[in-house]
Amino acid sequence: MFSYRNVNEDELQGNPIDLESDNFEKDLILLGITGVEDELQNDVLPTITDFREAGIKFFMITGDKGPTAKTISKTTGCLT
């Protein structure tokens, strides 16, 4: 994501490292945004389907945020 905002002199007093993002990163003008989707490895969905049909228990472990993990688990067939 690329964005900018004009900053007045009052906001630049002191050390810029001490600026809090809540106060500094606001009212930005969006210039552009892009998204990247990691593709699943081949045969993930049929493999999970085979596990389920064979009665094999499996777990999905991820470091993704909740909504992303939920989408991945639906795509892979972990959640029905």
Protein backbone atom coordinates (compact mmCIF):
# COMPACT_ATOMS: atom_id res chain seq x y z
CA MET A 1 0.00 0.00 0.00
CA PHE A 2 1.24 3.45 -0.84
CA SER A 3 -0.16 6.57 0.77
CA TYR A 4 0.81 10.05 1.88
CA ARG A 5 -0.33 12.92 4.05
CA ASN A 6 0.95 16.48 4.43
CA VAL A 7 2.36 16.95 7.93
CA ASN A 8 2.40 20.32 9.65
CA GLU A 9 5.34 21.57 11.73
CA ASP A 10 3.54 21.06 15.05
CA GLU A 11 3.46 17.31 14.42
CA LEU A 12 7.20 17.19 13.77
CA GLN A 13 8.34 18.59 17.12
CA GLY A 14 10.65 16.24 19.04
CA ASN A 15 12.09 12.96 17.86
CA PRO A 16 10.19 11.46 14.86
CA ILE A 17 10.86 7.98 16.28
CA ASP A 18 8.63 8.89 19.25
CA LEU A 19 5.60 9.56 17.04
CA GLU A 20 2.76 7.15 17.71
CA SER A 21 1.27 5.56 14.59
CA ASP A 22 -2.28 6.23 15.87
CA ASN A 23 -1.56 9.96 15.73
CA PHE A 24 0.62 9.99 12.65
CA GLU A 25 -0.88 7.42 10.26
CA LYS A 26 -4.30 8.98 9.80
CA ASP A 27 -6.11 10.88 7.04
CA LEU A 28 -3.83 9.29 4.46
CA ILE A 29 -4.45 9.54 0.73
CA LEU A 30 -4.30 6.12 -0.91
CA LEU A 31 -2.18 6.03 -4.06
CA GLY A 32 -2.27 2.31 -4.81
CA ILE A 33 -2.75 -1.10 -3.27
CA THR A 34 -2.02 -4.65 -4.29
CA GLY A 35 -2.72 -8.09 -2.91
CA VAL A 36 -0.89 -11.38 -3.21
CA GLU A 37 -2.44 -14.79 -2.69
CA ASP A 38 -0.27 -17.74 -1.77
CA GLU A 39 -1.41 -20.71 -3.79
CA LEU A 40 -2.10 -24.01 -2.08
CA GLN A 41 0.09 -26.94 -2.94
CA ASN A 42 -1.34 -29.39 -5.46
CA ASP A 43 -3.86 -31.95 -4.21
CA VAL A 44 -4.45 -30.38 -0.77
CA LEU A 45 -8.25 -30.54 -1.03
CA PRO A 46 -8.43 -34.15 -2.31
CA THR A 47 -5.88 -35.26 0.29
CA ILE A 48 -7.88 -33.75 3.14
CA THR A 49 -11.04 -35.27 1.68
CA ASP A 50 -9.31 -38.69 1.62
CA PHE A 51 -8.19 -38.24 5.26
CA ARG A 52 -11.73 -37.35 6.33
CA GLU A 53 -13.24 -40.34 4.48
CA ALA A 54 -10.63 -42.67 6.01
CA GLY A 55 -11.41 -41.40 9.52
CA ILE A 56 -7.94 -39.89 9.93
CA LYS A 57 -7.88 -36.89 12.27
CA PHE A 58 -5.92 -33.89 11.08
CA PHE A 59 -5.25 -30.37 12.31
CA MET A 60 -4.49 -27.12 10.53
CA ILE A 61 -1.90 -25.00 12.32
CA THR A 62 -1.33 -21.47 11.05
CA GLY A 63 0.04 -18.15 12.19
CA ASP A 64 -2.48 -16.26 10.08
CA LYS A 65 -5.08 -13.92 11.54
CA GLY A 66 -8.50 -15.43 12.28
CA PRO A 67 -10.35 -14.35 9.12
CA THR A 68 -7.48 -15.49 6.89
CA ALA A 69 -7.19 -18.82 8.68
CA LYS A 70 -10.94 -19.34 8.31
CA THR A 71 -10.79 -18.68 4.56
CA ILE A 72 -7.83 -21.06 4.16
CA SER A 73 -9.57 -23.76 6.15
CA LYS A 74 -12.66 -23.48 3.92
CA THR A 75 -10.56 -23.52 0.75
CA THR A 76 -8.65 -26.62 1.84
CA GLY A 77 -11.76 -28.44 3.01
CA CYS A 78 -10.79 -28.40 6.69
CA LEU A 79 -14.06 -26.62 7.45
CA THR A 80 -17.19 -27.80 5.71
